[in-house]
Amino acid sequence: MSCPLPRPTEFRLPLRAESFSIDEHRNVHCRFYGGCIDVAVKKDWDSFTCAKCPLFHEDRAPGASAYAFNQPADPGRP
C-alpha cells in the first residue's frame, strides 16, 4: 500500500477572515499537515484548505484518554 501524499487545495481568504473557523478548513492534527504546509509554501499560496483531501477527517485531536495512563510514575510525589 502506498503512502498518501499531501493534497492541500489553495484557499482564498474571504474578505472577513474572522467570520470562519480554521477547524472548518484544516485538520491541524493530521499526520501529513507539515507536508501540506510545505506544498502551500512552495506554491506561494496565501492559505490552503484540507477540505477536499480524503484524509481530512482521519486524524483527530487527542483526548484525555490518550494521556491518562501514559504518564511516567513520579516516586518523589505522594
PDB file of N, CA and C in Angstrom:
ATOM      1  N   MET A   1       0.851  -1.184   0.000  1.00  0.00           N
ATOM      2  CA  MET A   1       0.000   0.000   0.000  1.00  0.00           C
ATOM      3  C   MET A   1       0.885   1.232   0.000  1.00  0.00           C
ATOM      4  N   SER A   2       0.615   2.164  -0.890  1.00  0.00           N
ATOM      5  CA  SER A   2       1.434   3.362  -0.983  1.00  0.00           C
ATOM      6  C   SER A   2       1.058   4.378   0.090  1.00  0.00           C
ATOM      7  N   CYS A   3       2.011   5.213   0.400  1.00  0.00           N
ATOM      8  CA  CYS A   3       1.808   6.250   1.414  1.00  0.00           C
ATOM      9  C   CYS A   3       1.047   7.408   0.783  1.00  0.00           C
ATOM     10  N   PRO A   4       0.008   7.913   1.442  1.00  0.00           N
ATOM     11  CA  PRO A   4      -0.748   9.035   0.882  1.00  0.00           C
ATOM     12  C   PRO A   4       0.115  10.284   0.780  1.00  0.00           C
ATOM     13  N   LEU A   5      -0.136  11.061  -0.232  1.00  0.00           N
ATOM     14  CA  LEU A   5       0.577  12.324  -0.421  1.00  0.00           C
ATOM     15  C   LEU A   5      -0.261  13.477   0.105  1.00  0.00           C
ATOM     16  N   PRO A   6       0.393  14.548   0.556  1.00  0.00           N
ATOM     17  CA  PRO A   6      -0.373  15.725   0.968  1.00  0.00           C
ATOM     18  C   PRO A   6      -1.191  16.257  -0.213  1.00  0.00           C
ATOM     19  N   ARG A   7      -2.441  16.596   0.047  1.00  0.00           N
ATOM     20  CA  ARG A   7      -3.313  17.096  -1.020  1.00  0.00           C
ATOM     21  C   ARG A   7      -4.039  18.375  -0.605  1.00  0.00           C
ATOM     22  N   PRO A   8      -3.284  19.418  -0.285  1.00  0.00           N
ATOM     23  CA  PRO A   8      -3.957  20.671   0.056  1.00  0.00           C
ATOM     24  C   PRO A   8      -4.519  21.331  -1.203  1.00  0.00           C
ATOM     25  N   THR A   9      -5.451  22.225  -1.006  1.00  0.00           N
ATOM     26  CA  THR A   9      -6.042  22.999  -2.079  1.00  0.00           C
ATOM     27  C   THR A   9      -5.882  24.466  -1.717  1.00  0.00           C
ATOM     28  N   GLU A  10      -5.549  25.286  -2.694  1.00  0.00           N
ATOM     29  CA  GLU A  10      -5.400  26.714  -2.415  1.00  0.00           C
ATOM     30  C   GLU A  10      -6.710  27.267  -1.864  1.00  0.00           C
ATOM     31  N   PHE A  11      -6.595  28.115  -0.883  1.00  0.00           N
ATOM     32  CA  PHE A  11      -7.782  28.691  -0.233  1.00  0.00           C
ATOM     33  C   PHE A  11      -7.626  30.197  -0.234  1.00  0.00           C
ATOM     34  N   ARG A  12      -8.547  30.849  -0.881  1.00  0.00           N
ATOM     35  CA  ARG A  12      -8.530  32.312  -0.906  1.00  0.00           C
ATOM     36  C   ARG A  12      -9.373  32.811   0.254  1.00  0.00           C
ATOM     37  N   LEU A  13      -8.725  33.561   1.115  1.00  0.00           N
ATOM     38  CA  LEU A  13      -9.405  34.045   2.313  1.00  0.00           C
ATOM     39  C   LEU A  13     -10.565  34.961   1.957  1.00  0.00           C
ATOM     40  N   PRO A  14     -11.699  34.807   2.638  1.00  0.00           N
ATOM     41  CA  PRO A  14     -12.822  35.718   2.416  1.00  0.00           C
ATOM     42  C   PRO A  14     -12.466  37.115   2.911  1.00  0.00           C
ATOM     43  N   LEU A  15     -13.248  38.098   2.474  1.00  0.00           N
ATOM     44  CA  LEU A  15     -12.986  39.475   2.889  1.00  0.00           C
ATOM     45  C   LEU A  15     -12.969  39.610   4.402  1.00  0.00           C
ATOM     46  N   ARG A  16     -13.852  38.880   5.062  1.00  0.00           N
ATOM     47  CA  ARG A  16     -13.911  38.915   6.520  1.00  0.00           C
ATOM     48  C   ARG A  16     -13.382  37.604   7.059  1.00  0.00           C
ATOM     49  N   ALA A  17     -12.070  37.492   7.149  1.00  0.00           N
ATOM     50  CA  ALA A  17     -11.439  36.241   7.553  1.00  0.00           C
ATOM     51  C   ALA A  17     -11.833  35.816   8.960  1.00  0.00           C
ATOM     52  N   GLU A  18     -12.244  36.742   9.805  1.00  0.00           N
ATOM     53  CA  GLU A  18     -12.628  36.369  11.167  1.00  0.00           C
ATOM     54  C   GLU A  18     -14.000  35.702  11.217  1.00  0.00           C
ATOM     55  N   SER A  19     -14.684  35.612  10.087  1.00  0.00           N
ATOM     56  CA  SER A  19     -16.025  35.035  10.062  1.00  0.00           C
ATOM     57  C   SER A  19     -16.027  33.505   9.920  1.00  0.00           C
ATOM     58  N   PHE A  20     -14.867  32.873   9.865  1.00  0.00           N
ATOM     59  CA  PHE A  20     -14.826  31.413   9.764  1.00  0.00           C
ATOM     60  C   PHE A  20     -13.815  30.858  10.759  1.00  0.00           C
ATOM     61  N   SER A  21     -13.973  29.593  11.062  1.00  0.00           N
ATOM     62  CA  SER A  21     -13.074  28.908  11.980  1.00  0.00           C
ATOM     63  C   SER A  21     -12.070  28.087  11.173  1.00  0.00           C
ATOM     64  N   ILE A  22     -10.822  28.123  11.570  1.00  0.00           N
ATOM     65  CA  ILE A  22      -9.794  27.368  10.850  1.00  0.00           C
ATOM     66  C   ILE A  22     -10.081  25.869  10.891  1.00  0.00           C
ATOM     67  N   ASP A  23     -10.758  25.402  11.944  1.00  0.00           N
ATOM     68  CA  ASP A  23     -11.098  23.980  12.057  1.00  0.00           C
ATOM     69  C   ASP A  23     -12.035  23.514  10.949  1.00  0.00           C
ATOM     70  N   GLU A  24     -12.754  24.431  10.336  1.00  0.00           N
ATOM     71  CA  GLU A  24     -13.655  24.076   9.241  1.00  0.00           C
ATOM     72  C   GLU A  24     -12.881  23.785   7.954  1.00  0.00           C
ATOM     73  N   HIS A  25     -11.645  24.285   7.862  1.00  0.00           N
ATOM     74  CA  HIS A  25     -10.886  24.194   6.619  1.00  0.00           C
ATOM     75  C   HIS A  25      -9.607  23.385   6.710  1.00  0.00           C
ATOM     76  N   ARG A  26      -9.104  23.185   7.932  1.00  0.00           N
ATOM     77  CA  ARG A  26      -7.852  22.452   8.088  1.00  0.00           C
ATOM     78  C   ARG A  26      -7.940  21.447   9.232  1.00  0.00           C
ATOM     79  N   ASN A  27      -7.187  20.378   9.093  1.00  0.00           N
ATOM     80  CA  ASN A  27      -7.053  19.406  10.166  1.00  0.00           C
ATOM     81  C   ASN A  27      -5.617  19.485  10.657  1.00  0.00           C
ATOM     82  N   VAL A  28      -5.378  20.331  11.664  1.00  0.00           N
ATOM     83  CA  VAL A  28      -4.018  20.556  12.161  1.00  0.00           C
ATOM     84  C   VAL A  28      -3.453  19.332  12.872  1.00  0.00           C
ATOM     85  N   HIS A  29      -4.273  18.338  13.151  1.00  0.00           N
ATOM     86  CA  HIS A  29      -3.818  17.116  13.809  1.00  0.00           C
ATOM     87  C   HIS A  29      -3.472  16.013  12.809  1.00  0.00           C
ATOM     88  N   CYS A  30      -3.625  16.281  11.543  1.00  0.00           N
ATOM     89  CA  CYS A  30      -3.304  15.287  10.510  1.00  0.00           C
ATOM     90  C   CYS A  30      -1.804  15.008  10.511  1.00  0.00           C
ATOM     91  N   ARG A  31      -1.456  13.760  10.358  1.00  0.00           N
ATOM     92  CA  ARG A  31      -0.029  13.385  10.349  1.00  0.00           C
ATOM     93  C   ARG A  31       0.712  13.947   9.149  1.00  0.00           C
ATOM     94  N   PHE A  32      -0.006  14.409   8.119  1.00  0.00           N
ATOM     95  CA  PHE A  32       0.617  14.963   6.916  1.00  0.00           C
ATOM     96  C   PHE A  32       0.520  16.484   6.849  1.00  0.00           C
ATOM     97  N   TYR A  33       0.072  17.118   7.912  1.00  0.00           N
ATOM     98  CA  TYR A  33      -0.149  18.570   7.924  1.00  0.00           C
ATOM     99  C   TYR A  33       1.133  19.336   7.561  1.00  0.00           C
ATOM    100  N   GLY A  34       2.259  18.914   8.086  1.00  0.00           N
ATOM    101  CA  GLY A  34       3.528  19.573   7.768  1.00  0.00           C
ATOM    102  C   GLY A  34       3.834  19.524   6.285  1.00  0.00           C
ATOM    103  N   GLY A  35       3.532  18.408   5.645  1.00  0.00           N
ATOM    104  CA  GLY A  35       3.736  18.275   4.204  1.00  0.00           C
ATOM    105  C   GLY A  35       2.843  19.219   3.421  1.00  0.00           C
ATOM    106  N   CYS A  36       1.628  19.424   3.905  1.00  0.00           N
ATOM    107  CA  CYS A  36       0.706  20.343   3.231  1.00  0.00           C
ATOM    108  C   CYS A  36       1.190  21.788   3.354  1.00  0.00           C
ATOM    109  N   ILE A  37       1.759  22.118   4.507  1.00  0.00           N
ATOM    110  CA  ILE A  37       2.334  23.456   4.665  1.00  0.00           C
ATOM    111  C   ILE A  37       3.477  23.636   3.671  1.00  0.00           C
ATOM    112  N   ASP A  38       4.310  22.615   3.509  1.00  0.00           N
ATOM    113  CA  ASP A  38       5.409  22.687   2.543  1.00  0.00           C
ATOM    114  C   ASP A  38       4.895  22.919   1.124  1.00  0.00           C
ATOM    115  N   VAL A  39       3.840  22.206   0.742  1.00  0.00           N
ATOM    116  CA  VAL A  39       3.254  22.371  -0.594  1.00  0.00           C
ATOM    117  C   VAL A  39       2.752  23.801  -0.769  1.00  0.00           C
ATOM    118  N   ALA A  40       2.033  24.320   0.224  1.00  0.00           N
ATOM    119  CA  ALA A  40       1.480  25.676   0.137  1.00  0.00           C
ATOM    120  C   ALA A  40       2.588  26.725   0.030  1.00  0.00           C
ATOM    121  N   VAL A  41       3.666  26.544   0.769  1.00  0.00           N
ATOM    122  CA  VAL A  41       4.779  27.494   0.717  1.00  0.00           C
ATOM    123  C   VAL A  41       5.462  27.439  -0.649  1.00  0.00           C
ATOM    124  N   LYS A  42       5.712  26.235  -1.153  1.00  0.00           N
ATOM    125  CA  LYS A  42       6.378  26.092  -2.449  1.00  0.00           C
ATOM    126  C   LYS A  42       5.556  26.676  -3.585  1.00  0.00           C
ATOM    127  N   LYS A  43       4.222  26.614  -3.455  1.00  0.00           N
ATOM    128  CA  LYS A  43       3.344  27.152  -4.500  1.00  0.00           C
ATOM    129  C   LYS A  43       2.975  28.618  -4.250  1.00  0.00           C
ATOM    130  N   ASP A  44       3.528  29.188  -3.158  1.00  0.00           N
ATOM    131  CA  ASP A  44       3.322  30.599  -2.818  1.00  0.00           C
ATOM    132  C   ASP A  44       1.842  30.946  -2.614  1.00  0.00           C
ATOM    133  N   TRP A  45       1.109  30.039  -1.945  1.00  0.00           N
ATOM    134  CA  TRP A  45      -0.290  30.291  -1.622  1.00  0.00           C
ATOM    135  C   TRP A  45      -0.376  31.144  -0.367  1.00  0.00           C
ATOM    136  N   ASP A  46      -1.377  31.994  -0.289  1.00  0.00           N
ATOM    137  CA  ASP A  46      -1.622  32.763   0.934  1.00  0.00           C
ATOM    138  C   ASP A  46      -2.182  31.863   2.025  1.00  0.00           C
ATOM    139  N   SER A  47      -2.986  30.881   1.633  1.00  0.00           N
ATOM    140  CA  SER A  47      -3.587  29.953   2.580  1.00  0.00           C
ATOM    141  C   SER A  47      -3.966  28.678   1.837  1.00  0.00           C
ATOM    142  N   PHE A  48      -4.339  27.647   2.599  1.00  0.00           N
ATOM    143  CA  PHE A  48      -4.772  26.410   1.979  1.00  0.00           C
ATOM    144  C   PHE A  48      -5.870  25.778   2.819  1.00  0.00           C
ATOM    145  N   THR A  49      -6.575  24.825   2.199  1.00  0.00           N
ATOM    146  CA  THR A  49      -7.628  24.093   2.881  1.00  0.00           C
ATOM    147  C   THR A  49      -7.394  22.595   2.710  1.00  0.00           C
ATOM    148  N   CYS A  50      -7.830  21.846   3.681  1.00  0.00           N
ATOM    149  CA  CYS A  50      -7.742  20.379   3.633  1.00  0.00           C
ATOM    150  C   CYS A  50      -9.084  19.761   3.230  1.00  0.00           C
ATOM    151  N   ALA A  51     -10.095  20.579   2.993  1.00  0.00           N
ATOM    152  CA  ALA A  51     -11.468  20.112   2.815  1.00  0.00           C
ATOM    153  C   ALA A  51     -11.638  19.074   1.703  1.00  0.00           C
ATOM    154  N   LYS A  52     -10.852  19.141   0.642  1.00  0.00           N
ATOM    155  CA  LYS A  52     -11.002  18.197  -0.468  1.00  0.00           C
ATOM    156  C   LYS A  52     -10.096  16.980  -0.332  1.00  0.00           C
ATOM    157  N   CYS A  53      -9.278  16.936   0.709  1.00  0.00           N
ATOM    158  CA  CYS A  53      -8.353  15.821   0.917  1.00  0.00           C
ATOM    159  C   CYS A  53      -9.108  14.631   1.511  1.00  0.00           C
ATOM    160  N   PRO A  54      -8.859  13.420   1.013  1.00  0.00           N
ATOM    161  CA  PRO A  54      -9.543  12.251   1.572  1.00  0.00           C
ATOM    162  C   PRO A  54      -9.126  11.948   3.016  1.00  0.00           C
ATOM    163  N   LEU A  55      -8.038  12.536   3.472  1.00  0.00           N
ATOM    164  CA  LEU A  55      -7.567  12.316   4.845  1.00  0.00           C
ATOM    165  C   LEU A  55      -8.055  13.385   5.822  1.00  0.00           C
ATOM    166  N   PHE A  56      -8.895  14.302   5.351  1.00  0.00           N
ATOM    167  CA  PHE A  56      -9.328  15.438   6.163  1.00  0.00           C
ATOM    168  C   PHE A  56      -9.919  15.020   7.508  1.00  0.00           C
ATOM    169  N   HIS A  57     -10.654  13.932   7.554  1.00  0.00           N
ATOM    170  CA  HIS A  57     -11.315  13.504   8.791  1.00  0.00           C
ATOM    171  C   HIS A  57     -10.624  12.319   9.463  1.00  0.00           C
ATOM    172  N   GLU A  58      -9.443  11.945   9.006  1.00  0.00           N
ATOM    173  CA  GLU A  58      -8.768  10.767   9.550  1.00  0.00           C
ATOM    174  C   GLU A  58      -8.201  10.984  10.947  1.00  0.00           C
ATOM    175  N   ASP A  59      -7.281  11.905  11.103  1.00  0.00           N
ATOM    176  CA  ASP A  59      -6.624  12.137  12.392  1.00  0.00           C
ATOM    177  C   ASP A  59      -7.355  13.242  13.136  1.00  0.00           C
ATOM    178  N   ARG A  60      -7.711  12.983  14.370  1.00  0.00           N
ATOM    179  CA  ARG A  60      -8.434  13.961  15.180  1.00  0.00           C
ATOM    180  C   ARG A  60      -7.594  14.361  16.377  1.00  0.00           C
ATOM    181  N   ALA A  61      -8.006  15.386  17.062  1.00  0.00           N
ATOM    182  CA  ALA A  61      -7.301  15.860  18.250  1.00  0.00           C
ATOM    183  C   ALA A  61      -7.306  14.776  19.324  1.00  0.00           C
ATOM    184  N   PRO A  62      -6.179  14.585  19.981  1.00  0.00           N
ATOM    185  CA  PRO A  62      -6.149  13.565  21.046  1.00  0.00           C
ATOM    186  C   PRO A  62      -6.981  14.014  22.238  1.00  0.00           C
ATOM    187  N   GLY A  63      -7.680  13.078  22.852  1.00  0.00           N
ATOM    188  CA  GLY A  63      -8.485  13.368  24.033  1.00  0.00           C
ATOM    189  C   GLY A  63      -7.720  13.006  25.298  1.00  0.00           C
ATOM    190  N   ALA A  64      -8.334  13.210  26.422  1.00  0.00           N
ATOM    191  CA  ALA A  64      -7.697  12.927  27.705  1.00  0.00           C
ATOM    192  C   ALA A  64      -7.322  11.456  27.825  1.00  0.00           C
ATOM    193  N   SER A  65      -8.098  10.564  27.229  1.00  0.00           N
ATOM    194  CA  SER A  65      -7.814   9.137  27.342  1.00  0.00           C
ATOM    195  C   SER A  65      -6.470   8.767  26.711  1.00  0.00           C
ATOM    196  N   ALA A  66      -6.002   9.577  25.776  1.00  0.00           N
ATOM    197  CA  ALA A  66      -4.714   9.310  25.152  1.00  0.00           C
ATOM    198  C   ALA A  66      -3.553   9.569  26.109  1.00  0.00           C
ATOM    199  N   TYR A  67      -3.813  10.335  27.156  1.00  0.00           N
ATOM    200  CA  TYR A  67      -2.758  10.704  28.086  1.00  0.00           C
ATOM    201  C   TYR A  67      -2.949  10.153  29.495  1.00  0.00           C
ATOM    202  N   ALA A  68      -4.123   9.732  29.829  1.00  0.00           N
ATOM    203  CA  ALA A  68      -4.453   9.384  31.205  1.00  0.00           C
ATOM    204  C   ALA A  68      -3.537   8.322  31.805  1.00  0.00           C
ATOM    205  N   PHE A  69      -3.159   7.320  31.052  1.00  0.00           N
ATOM    206  CA  PHE A  69      -2.352   6.240  31.612  1.00  0.00           C
ATOM    207  C   PHE A  69      -0.945   6.180  31.015  1.00  0.00           C
ATOM    208  N   ASN A  70      -0.562   7.222  30.301  1.00  0.00           N
ATOM    209  CA  ASN A  70       0.754   7.235  29.658  1.00  0.00           C
ATOM    210  C   ASN A  70       1.766   8.072  30.420  1.00  0.00           C
ATOM    211  N   GLN A  71       1.403   8.587  31.579  1.00  0.00           N
ATOM    212  CA  GLN A  71       2.319   9.421  32.337  1.00  0.00           C
ATOM    213  C   GLN A  71       3.278   8.557  33.143  1.00  0.00           C
ATOM    214  N   PRO A  72       4.574   8.924  33.149  1.00  0.00           N
ATOM    215  CA  PRO A  72       5.518   8.147  33.949  1.00  0.00           C
ATOM    216  C   PRO A  72       5.259   8.343  35.436  1.00  0.00           C
ATOM    217  N   ALA A  73       5.546   7.328  36.197  1.00  0.00           N
ATOM    218  CA  ALA A  73       5.368   7.416  37.646  1.00  0.00           C
ATOM    219  C   ALA A  73       6.404   8.382  38.217  1.00  0.00           C
ATOM    220  N   ASP A  74       6.010   9.150  39.205  1.00  0.00           N
ATOM    221  CA  ASP A  74       6.912  10.086  39.873  1.00  0.00           C
ATOM    222  C   ASP A  74       7.029   9.653  41.319  1.00  0.00           C
ATOM    223  N   PRO A  75       8.070   8.898  41.658  1.00  0.00           N
ATOM    224  CA  PRO A  75       8.183   8.382  43.036  1.00  0.00           C
ATOM    225  C   PRO A  75       8.435   9.476  44.065  1.00  0.00           C
ATOM    226  N   GLY A  76       8.767  10.683  43.638  1.00  0.00           N
ATOM    227  CA  GLY A  76       9.034  11.774  44.579  1.00  0.00           C
ATOM    228  C   GLY A  76       7.793  12.483  45.070  1.00  0.00           C
ATOM    229  N   ARG A  77       6.646  12.171  44.489  1.00  0.00           N
ATOM    230  CA  ARG A  77       5.397  12.832  44.893  1.00  0.00           C
ATOM    231  C   ARG A  77       4.447  11.832  45.513  1.00  0.00           C
ATOM    232  N   PRO A  78       3.695  12.303  46.486  1.00  0.00           N
ATOM    233  CA  PRO A  78       2.728  11.378  47.140  1.00  0.00           C
ATOM    234  C   PRO A  78       1.556  11.052  46.253  1.00  0.00           C
TER     235      PRO A  78
END
